[in-house]
Amino acid sequence: MNANFISRNTPKLRSCNPTGHIFHSLTRGMKEENPSGFFTSALAHEVRNPLSNINLACEMLTSTLLDNDQKIYVDIIKRASSRINRLVTELLTSGAQDELPSDNQSIHQLLDEVLAMTSDRIRLKNITISKDYSTIDCRIWMNKQQMKIALTNIIINAIEAMPEESGKLKLITRSINSQSVITIEDNGMGISKENLTNIFKPFFTNKQGGIGLGLSTTLDILRANHGRVDVKSEIGQGTSFFLTFDRLKICNT
């Protein structure tokens, strides 16, 4: 079964402030400010506080642990904490810019970097990785940090859907009819036909404790970088994501 991505607009929030006239007078001189910018900064501050405690606790554990196997898990925590900190920094940096920087980037290098970022999860589940890259590494005009987030979301979903020990993740790149196509295949549990039409909707999730923004964010990023995503899935067999970038956004040099 095939499914193209579905466009959904985020609904606008309505104000529930019972003293609307007072609120309006207080904010009348703040029209040029971006409320989401304040929220992002505040969120980043709150995230970084517990990260500092986590890093401190990891350092203390590392100095007391004698078992090398246990130290491996502490190292995983430290790497995950560092990645969160980098993402927060990138979020703040990009939010302060009017336009995110783009450049011609190597698809293969980008995929390898994402695999390195998710290597801890891959190792913990003992998943087999196979790469079938095109002999020509086509370079795409894109925002690298954004695309890392999009590809990481897809690969993490694939990892979580696959069983331990027998999971197989395959990355394929091809140049077809002046287009560049990235295929990410897994042999996980698959997605039902009903759910497949909803996976890109904000806040849709089947994961316990999930938020449902990963693939919604991925879709927004791909659109912003002039890409398209198609998904094929079968229950009990696995799922394939096909990311296509049009010829006008490709540079073969």
Protein backbone atom coordinates (compact mmCIF):
# COMPACT_ATOMS: atom_id res chain seq x y z
CA MET A 1 0.00 0.00 0.00
CA ASN A 2 1.25 3.51 -0.81
CA ALA A 3 0.49 6.73 0.99
CA ASN A 4 1.53 10.25 0.16
CA PHE A 5 1.97 12.76 2.90
CA ILE A 6 -1.12 14.66 3.98
CA SER A 7 -1.15 18.41 4.52
CA ARG A 8 -2.67 19.66 7.71
CA ASN A 9 -2.76 23.22 8.99
CA THR A 10 -2.23 23.81 12.68
CA PRO A 11 -5.39 25.38 14.15
CA LYS A 12 -5.08 28.84 15.63
CA LEU A 13 -5.40 29.11 19.40
CA ARG A 14 -8.21 31.20 20.79
CA SER A 15 -7.70 33.50 23.72
CA CYS A 16 -9.49 32.49 26.92
CA ASN A 17 -8.42 35.56 28.91
CA PRO A 18 -11.48 36.93 30.77
CA THR A 19 -9.78 40.33 31.11
CA GLY A 20 -9.03 40.72 27.44
CA HIS A 21 -9.18 44.53 27.47
CA ILE A 22 -6.55 44.71 30.23
CA PHE A 23 -4.31 42.19 28.49
CA HIS A 24 -4.58 44.18 25.28
CA SER A 25 -3.53 47.39 26.96
CA LEU A 26 -0.54 45.70 28.59
CA THR A 27 0.69 44.20 25.34
CA ARG A 28 -0.12 47.10 23.03
CA GLY A 29 3.49 48.22 22.97
CA MET A 30 4.84 44.70 22.33
CA LYS A 31 3.53 44.08 18.82
CA GLU A 32 7.01 43.69 17.38
CA GLU A 33 7.94 40.94 19.83
CA ASN A 34 7.62 37.25 18.96
CA PRO A 35 5.79 35.32 21.72
CA SER A 36 7.08 32.00 20.43
CA GLY A 37 10.62 33.35 20.79
CA PHE A 38 10.08 34.03 24.47
CA PHE A 39 8.61 30.56 24.93
CA THR A 40 11.53 28.93 23.12
CA SER A 41 14.08 30.75 25.26
CA ALA A 42 12.25 29.89 28.47
CA LEU A 43 11.93 26.24 27.44
CA ALA A 44 15.61 26.04 26.55
CA HIS A 45 16.52 27.45 29.97
CA GLU A 46 14.32 24.90 31.76
CA VAL A 47 15.74 22.02 29.71
CA ARG A 48 19.34 22.99 30.35
CA ASN A 49 18.92 23.08 34.13
CA PRO A 50 18.20 19.34 34.53
CA LEU A 51 20.79 18.55 31.85
CA SER A 52 23.46 20.09 34.07
CA ASN A 53 22.36 17.86 36.95
CA ILE A 54 22.38 14.78 34.70
CA ASN A 55 25.91 15.53 33.49
CA LEU A 56 27.12 16.09 37.05
CA ALA A 57 25.57 12.82 38.22
CA CYS A 58 27.17 10.96 35.30
CA GLU A 59 30.60 12.32 36.17
CA MET A 60 30.18 11.16 39.77
CA LEU A 61 29.02 7.71 38.65
CA THR A 62 31.92 7.37 36.22
CA SER A 63 34.41 8.04 39.00
CA THR A 64 32.89 5.38 41.28
CA LEU A 65 31.93 2.59 38.88
CA LEU A 66 34.41 -0.24 38.43
CA ASP A 67 32.34 -2.35 36.04
CA ASN A 68 33.13 -1.41 32.44
CA ASP A 69 29.75 -2.73 31.25
CA GLN A 70 28.01 -0.28 33.56
CA LYS A 71 30.22 2.56 32.39
CA ILE A 72 28.98 1.94 28.84
CA TYR A 73 25.45 2.89 29.88
CA VAL A 74 26.68 6.00 31.69
CA ASP A 75 28.49 7.02 28.50
CA ILE A 76 25.24 6.58 26.56
CA ILE A 77 23.47 8.91 28.99
CA LYS A 78 26.25 11.48 28.63
CA ARG A 79 26.13 11.37 24.83
CA ALA A 80 22.34 11.70 24.82
CA SER A 81 22.57 14.63 27.23
CA SER A 82 25.15 16.33 25.02
CA ARG A 83 22.95 15.84 21.95
CA ILE A 84 19.97 17.43 23.71
CA ASN A 85 22.14 20.38 24.67
CA ARG A 86 23.31 20.78 21.05
CA LEU A 87 19.72 20.63 19.78
CA VAL A 88 18.64 23.29 22.25
CA THR A 89 21.54 25.50 21.15
CA GLU A 90 20.66 25.01 17.48
CA LEU A 91 17.01 25.77 18.22
CA LEU A 92 17.93 29.05 19.89
CA THR A 93 20.38 29.97 17.13
CA SER A 94 17.95 29.22 14.30
CA GLY A 95 15.16 31.04 16.08
CA ALA A 96 17.25 34.18 16.17
CA GLN A 97 17.80 34.16 12.42
CA ASP A 98 15.37 35.51 9.85
CA GLU A 99 16.32 32.77 7.40
CA LEU A 100 17.99 29.46 8.13
CA PRO A 101 21.21 28.92 6.17
CA SER A 102 21.22 26.34 3.40
CA ASP A 103 24.03 24.91 1.32
CA ASN A 104 24.87 22.06 -1.04
CA GLN A 105 25.25 19.05 1.23
CA SER A 106 26.28 15.44 0.68
CA ILE A 107 23.41 13.00 1.13
CA HIS A 108 25.72 10.14 2.05
CA GLN A 109 27.64 12.15 4.61
CA LEU A 110 24.38 13.33 6.15
CA LEU A 111 23.03 9.78 6.45
CA ASP A 112 26.28 8.56 8.01
CA GLU A 113 26.17 11.37 10.57
CA VAL A 114 22.59 10.50 11.51
CA LEU A 115 23.55 6.84 11.92
CA ALA A 116 26.36 7.93 14.23
CA MET A 117 23.91 10.02 16.25
CA THR A 118 21.56 7.06 16.68
CA SER A 119 24.30 4.44 17.15
CA ASP A 120 23.55 3.94 20.86
CA ARG A 121 19.97 2.92 20.18
CA ILE A 122 21.07 0.73 17.30
CA ARG A 123 23.67 -1.02 19.47
CA LEU A 124 21.31 -1.52 22.42
CA LYS A 125 18.81 -3.35 20.19
CA ASN A 126 21.56 -5.06 18.17
CA ILE A 127 20.07 -3.91 14.88
CA THR A 128 21.80 -4.76 11.61
CA ILE A 129 22.54 -1.80 9.36
CA SER A 130 23.01 -2.10 5.61
CA LYS A 131 23.82 0.71 3.22
CA ASP A 132 23.18 0.60 -0.51
CA TYR A 133 24.41 3.99 -1.65
CA SER A 134 24.45 5.22 -5.21
CA THR A 135 27.90 5.39 -6.79
CA ILE A 136 27.28 9.10 -7.33
CA ASP A 137 26.76 11.05 -4.14
CA CYS A 138 24.34 13.73 -5.25
CA ARG A 139 24.48 16.93 -3.24
CA ILE A 140 21.24 18.60 -2.24
CA TRP A 141 20.61 22.23 -1.45
CA MET A 142 19.27 22.05 2.11
CA ASN A 143 19.60 23.14 5.70
CA LYS A 144 21.81 20.44 7.18
CA GLN A 145 20.73 20.76 10.81
CA GLN A 146 17.07 20.66 9.87
CA MET A 147 17.53 17.60 7.69
CA LYS A 148 19.43 15.84 10.47
CA ILE A 149 16.38 16.24 12.69
CA ALA A 150 14.04 14.94 9.97
CA LEU A 151 16.15 11.87 9.18
CA THR A 152 16.77 11.17 12.86
CA ASN A 153 13.03 11.15 13.51
CA ILE A 154 12.44 8.60 10.76
CA ILE A 155 15.33 6.36 11.79
CA ILE A 156 14.42 6.42 15.50
CA ASN A 157 10.85 5.45 14.63
CA ALA A 158 12.24 2.57 12.59
CA ILE A 159 14.49 1.44 15.45
CA GLU A 160 11.62 1.52 17.92
CA ALA A 161 9.40 -0.48 15.57
CA MET A 162 11.91 -3.32 15.11
CA PRO A 163 12.51 -6.30 17.40
CA GLU A 164 15.75 -6.73 19.33
CA GLU A 165 18.45 -8.94 17.79
CA SER A 166 16.58 -9.45 14.47
CA GLY A 167 16.00 -5.85 13.42
CA LYS A 168 17.30 -4.79 9.99
CA LEU A 169 17.60 -1.19 8.85
CA LYS A 170 18.51 -0.46 5.24
CA LEU A 171 19.46 2.90 3.72
CA ILE A 172 19.32 3.27 -0.06
CA THR A 173 20.15 6.25 -2.26
CA ARG A 174 19.44 6.55 -5.96
CA SER A 175 19.44 9.17 -8.70
CA ILE A 176 16.32 8.61 -10.80
CA ASN A 177 15.18 10.84 -13.65
CA SER A 178 17.18 13.79 -12.37
CA GLN A 179 15.84 13.32 -8.88
CA SER A 180 17.58 12.11 -5.75
CA VAL A 181 15.74 9.50 -3.68
CA ILE A 182 16.58 8.37 -0.14
CA THR A 183 14.89 5.15 0.99
CA ILE A 184 14.83 4.10 4.65
CA GLU A 185 13.56 0.55 5.15
CA ASP A 186 12.91 -1.43 8.32
CA ASN A 187 11.53 -4.88 9.07
CA GLY A 188 9.47 -3.72 12.03
CA MET A 189 5.86 -4.19 13.01
CA GLY A 190 4.51 -2.08 10.16
CA ILE A 191 1.76 0.53 10.12
CA SER A 192 -1.94 -0.20 9.55
CA LYS A 193 -3.74 1.33 6.58
CA GLU A 194 -5.86 3.43 8.92
CA ASN A 195 -2.88 4.83 10.81
CA LEU A 196 -0.82 5.41 7.69
CA THR A 197 -3.10 8.28 6.66
CA ASN A 198 -2.58 9.95 10.04
CA ILE A 199 1.13 9.58 10.82
CA PHE A 200 2.02 13.11 9.68
CA LYS A 201 -0.77 14.78 11.63
CA PRO A 202 0.38 16.80 14.65
CA PHE A 203 -0.11 14.98 17.98
CA PHE A 204 -1.04 11.65 16.38
CA THR A 205 0.81 8.79 18.09
CA ASN A 206 0.45 5.16 19.12
CA LYS A 207 3.47 5.27 21.42
CA GLN A 208 2.96 5.17 25.14
CA GLY A 209 4.04 8.56 26.44
CA GLY A 210 4.55 9.84 22.89
CA ILE A 211 3.76 13.41 21.86
CA GLY A 212 3.12 12.84 18.16
CA LEU A 213 5.20 15.70 16.78
CA GLY A 214 8.18 13.79 15.33
CA LEU A 215 6.82 13.00 11.87
CA SER A 216 4.79 16.21 11.75
CA THR A 217 8.03 18.13 12.26
CA THR A 218 9.75 15.91 9.70
CA LEU A 219 7.13 16.75 7.09
CA ASP A 220 7.49 20.49 7.74
CA ILE A 221 11.27 20.24 7.42
CA LEU A 222 11.11 18.29 4.17
CA ARG A 223 8.71 20.81 2.67
CA ALA A 224 10.93 23.69 3.77
CA ASN A 225 13.84 21.97 2.03
CA HIS A 226 11.86 21.29 -1.16
CA GLY A 227 11.50 17.55 -0.52
CA ARG A 228 8.64 15.07 -0.73
CA VAL A 229 7.95 11.98 1.36
CA ASP A 230 6.03 8.82 0.48
CA VAL A 231 5.48 5.87 2.78
CA LYS A 232 4.82 2.19 2.13
CA SER A 233 4.05 -0.18 4.97
CA GLU A 234 2.70 -3.65 5.66
CA ILE A 235 1.72 -5.05 9.03
CA GLY A 236 4.28 -7.59 10.22
CA GLN A 237 6.63 -6.86 7.31
CA GLY A 238 7.98 -3.37 7.88
CA THR A 239 7.90 0.20 6.62
CA SER A 240 9.71 2.15 3.90
CA PHE A 241 10.09 5.93 3.72
CA PHE A 242 10.95 7.45 0.34
CA LEU A 243 12.37 10.98 0.41
CA THR A 244 12.53 12.66 -2.99
CA PHE A 245 14.28 15.90 -3.91
CA ASP A 246 13.51 17.60 -7.20
CA ARG A 247 16.14 18.23 -9.85
CA LEU A 248 16.17 22.02 -9.33
CA LYS A 249 17.49 21.43 -5.84
CA ILE A 250 20.22 18.99 -6.88
CA CYS A 251 23.85 19.73 -7.57
CA ASN A 252 26.02 16.89 -8.90
CA THR A 253 29.28 18.70 -8.27
